Amino acid sequence: MSVITDFTTGQSDEIDISGLILGYTPGVSILSNFVQAANDGSGGSYLQVDANGTGSNFKNVIDIQGNTSINVSTWVSNGNLVV
C-alpha cells in the first residue's frame, strides 16, 4: 500500500488510480462500486478500490495521512482523483 503524507487538494495534487479500476467507465459505471474512502484510525484516510466494481471487495490501496475528509465524487470532479 502506498502512503501519501503531503496531499493537498488546494494545490492541484492528484492521485491517478485509473490503472486499478479497468472496468470503470465514467458516466456509465457507478463510481462508489469502485472507489471509496475510509478513516484509517490515525488521523488519515484509506483510499479503497474494488477493481471489479462489485462494491463488496474493497482493498486499501493508499493511506492518505492527515486527511480525514475525503469525498470521492468531489475529488474526481475537481481533478484530484483520476479514475
C-alpha atoms as a PDB file:
ATOM      1  CA  MET A   1       0.000   0.000   0.000  1.00  0.00           C
ATOM      2  CA  SER A   2       1.244   3.457  -0.874  1.00  0.00           C
ATOM      3  CA  VAL A   3       1.405   6.192   1.755  1.00  0.00           C
ATOM      4  CA  ILE A   4       0.957   9.874   0.943  1.00  0.00           C
ATOM      5  CA  THR A   5       1.927  12.367   3.619  1.00  0.00           C
ATOM      6  CA  ASP A   6       1.526  15.732   1.883  1.00  0.00           C
ATOM      7  CA  PHE A   7      -1.601  15.592  -0.272  1.00  0.00           C
ATOM      8  CA  THR A   8      -3.421  18.910  -0.620  1.00  0.00           C
ATOM      9  CA  THR A   9      -6.483  19.399  -2.816  1.00  0.00           C
ATOM     10  CA  GLY A  10      -5.941  23.164  -2.963  1.00  0.00           C
ATOM     11  CA  GLN A  11      -2.507  22.742  -4.567  1.00  0.00           C
ATOM     12  CA  SER A  12      -3.757  20.766  -7.572  1.00  0.00           C
ATOM     13  CA  ASP A  13      -2.365  17.482  -6.225  1.00  0.00           C
ATOM     14  CA  GLU A  14      -3.803  14.451  -7.963  1.00  0.00           C
ATOM     15  CA  ILE A  15      -3.887  10.704  -7.491  1.00  0.00           C
ATOM     16  CA  ASP A  16      -4.312   8.538 -10.589  1.00  0.00           C
ATOM     17  CA  ILE A  17      -5.954   5.180  -9.877  1.00  0.00           C
ATOM     18  CA  SER A  18      -7.269   4.603 -13.392  1.00  0.00           C
ATOM     19  CA  GLY A  19      -4.958   1.623 -13.838  1.00  0.00           C
ATOM     20  CA  LEU A  20      -6.518  -0.083 -10.815  1.00  0.00           C
ATOM     21  CA  ILE A  21     -10.152   0.095 -11.947  1.00  0.00           C
ATOM     22  CA  LEU A  22     -10.054  -1.046 -15.543  1.00  0.00           C
ATOM     23  CA  GLY A  23     -13.773  -1.884 -15.678  1.00  0.00           C
ATOM     24  CA  TYR A  24     -14.841   1.628 -14.698  1.00  0.00           C
ATOM     25  CA  THR A  25     -16.467   3.741 -17.419  1.00  0.00           C
ATOM     26  CA  PRO A  26     -17.088   7.388 -16.442  1.00  0.00           C
ATOM     27  CA  GLY A  27     -20.729   8.359 -16.836  1.00  0.00           C
ATOM     28  CA  VAL A  28     -21.809   4.719 -17.101  1.00  0.00           C
ATOM     29  CA  SER A  29     -20.363   2.848 -14.108  1.00  0.00           C
ATOM     30  CA  ILE A  30     -21.292   3.598 -10.505  1.00  0.00           C
ATOM     31  CA  LEU A  31     -18.190   5.238  -9.003  1.00  0.00           C
ATOM     32  CA  SER A  32     -18.964   4.130  -5.432  1.00  0.00           C
ATOM     33  CA  ASN A  33     -18.823   0.479  -6.577  1.00  0.00           C
ATOM     34  CA  PHE A  34     -15.172   1.007  -7.500  1.00  0.00           C
ATOM     35  CA  VAL A  35     -13.751   3.583  -5.077  1.00  0.00           C
ATOM     36  CA  GLN A  36     -14.399   4.652  -1.500  1.00  0.00           C
ATOM     37  CA  ALA A  37     -12.569   6.305   1.373  1.00  0.00           C
ATOM     38  CA  ALA A  38     -12.412   5.090   4.964  1.00  0.00           C
ATOM     39  CA  ASN A  39     -10.912   6.525   8.128  1.00  0.00           C
ATOM     40  CA  ASP A  40      -7.570   4.885   8.915  1.00  0.00           C
ATOM     41  CA  GLY A  41      -7.944   5.471  12.670  1.00  0.00           C
ATOM     42  CA  SER A  42      -4.761   7.561  12.810  1.00  0.00           C
ATOM     43  CA  GLY A  43      -5.883  10.944  11.505  1.00  0.00           C
ATOM     44  CA  GLY A  44      -5.875   9.957   7.851  1.00  0.00           C
ATOM     45  CA  SER A  45      -7.876   8.004   5.312  1.00  0.00           C
ATOM     46  CA  TYR A  46      -7.538   4.892   3.232  1.00  0.00           C
ATOM     47  CA  LEU A  47      -8.440   5.146  -0.408  1.00  0.00           C
ATOM     48  CA  GLN A  48     -10.029   1.801  -1.168  1.00  0.00           C
ATOM     49  CA  VAL A  49     -10.575   0.196  -4.567  1.00  0.00           C
ATOM     50  CA  ASP A  50     -12.792  -2.649  -5.738  1.00  0.00           C
ATOM     51  CA  ALA A  51     -11.144  -3.450  -9.071  1.00  0.00           C
ATOM     52  CA  ASN A  52     -14.143  -5.447 -10.332  1.00  0.00           C
ATOM     53  CA  GLY A  53     -16.743  -2.846  -9.358  1.00  0.00           C
ATOM     54  CA  THR A  54     -18.885  -5.220  -7.342  1.00  0.00           C
ATOM     55  CA  GLY A  55     -18.886  -2.814  -4.391  1.00  0.00           C
ATOM     56  CA  SER A  56     -18.161  -5.653  -1.997  1.00  0.00           C
ATOM     57  CA  ASN A  57     -14.433  -6.378  -2.315  1.00  0.00           C
ATOM     58  CA  PHE A  58     -12.628  -3.153  -1.413  1.00  0.00           C
ATOM     59  CA  LYS A  59      -8.881  -3.198  -0.755  1.00  0.00           C
ATOM     60  CA  ASN A  60      -6.824  -0.441   0.846  1.00  0.00           C
ATOM     61  CA  VAL A  61      -4.521   0.917  -1.858  1.00  0.00           C
ATOM     62  CA  ILE A  62      -3.381   4.294  -0.491  1.00  0.00           C
ATOM     63  CA  ASP A  63      -3.071   5.708   3.018  1.00  0.00           C
ATOM     64  CA  ILE A  64      -3.533   9.465   2.781  1.00  0.00           C
ATOM     65  CA  GLN A  65      -2.174  10.764   6.064  1.00  0.00           C
ATOM     66  CA  GLY A  66      -3.546  13.934   7.631  1.00  0.00           C
ATOM     67  CA  ASN A  67      -6.751  13.954   5.578  1.00  0.00           C
ATOM     68  CA  THR A  68      -9.953  12.574   7.051  1.00  0.00           C
ATOM     69  CA  SER A  69     -12.468  14.395   4.865  1.00  0.00           C
ATOM     70  CA  ILE A  70     -12.255  12.650   1.509  1.00  0.00           C
ATOM     71  CA  ASN A  71     -15.309  12.952  -0.701  1.00  0.00           C
ATOM     72  CA  VAL A  72     -14.504  10.693  -3.648  1.00  0.00           C
ATOM     73  CA  SER A  73     -17.038  12.272  -6.031  1.00  0.00           C
ATOM     74  CA  THR A  74     -15.797  15.788  -5.264  1.00  0.00           C
ATOM     75  CA  TRP A  75     -12.171  14.762  -5.683  1.00  0.00           C
ATOM     76  CA  VAL A  76     -12.986  13.266  -9.089  1.00  0.00           C
ATOM     77  CA  SER A  77     -14.940  16.376 -10.152  1.00  0.00           C
ATOM     78  CA  ASN A  78     -12.121  18.654  -9.033  1.00  0.00           C
ATOM     79  CA  GLY A  79      -9.414  16.606 -10.738  1.00  0.00           C
ATOM     80  CA  ASN A  80      -7.726  15.456  -7.522  1.00  0.00           C
ATOM     81  CA  LEU A  81      -8.621  11.830  -8.184  1.00  0.00           C
ATOM     82  CA  VAL A  82      -8.219  10.422 -11.694  1.00  0.00           C
ATOM     83  CA  VAL A  83     -10.335   7.337 -12.362  1.00  0.00           C
END
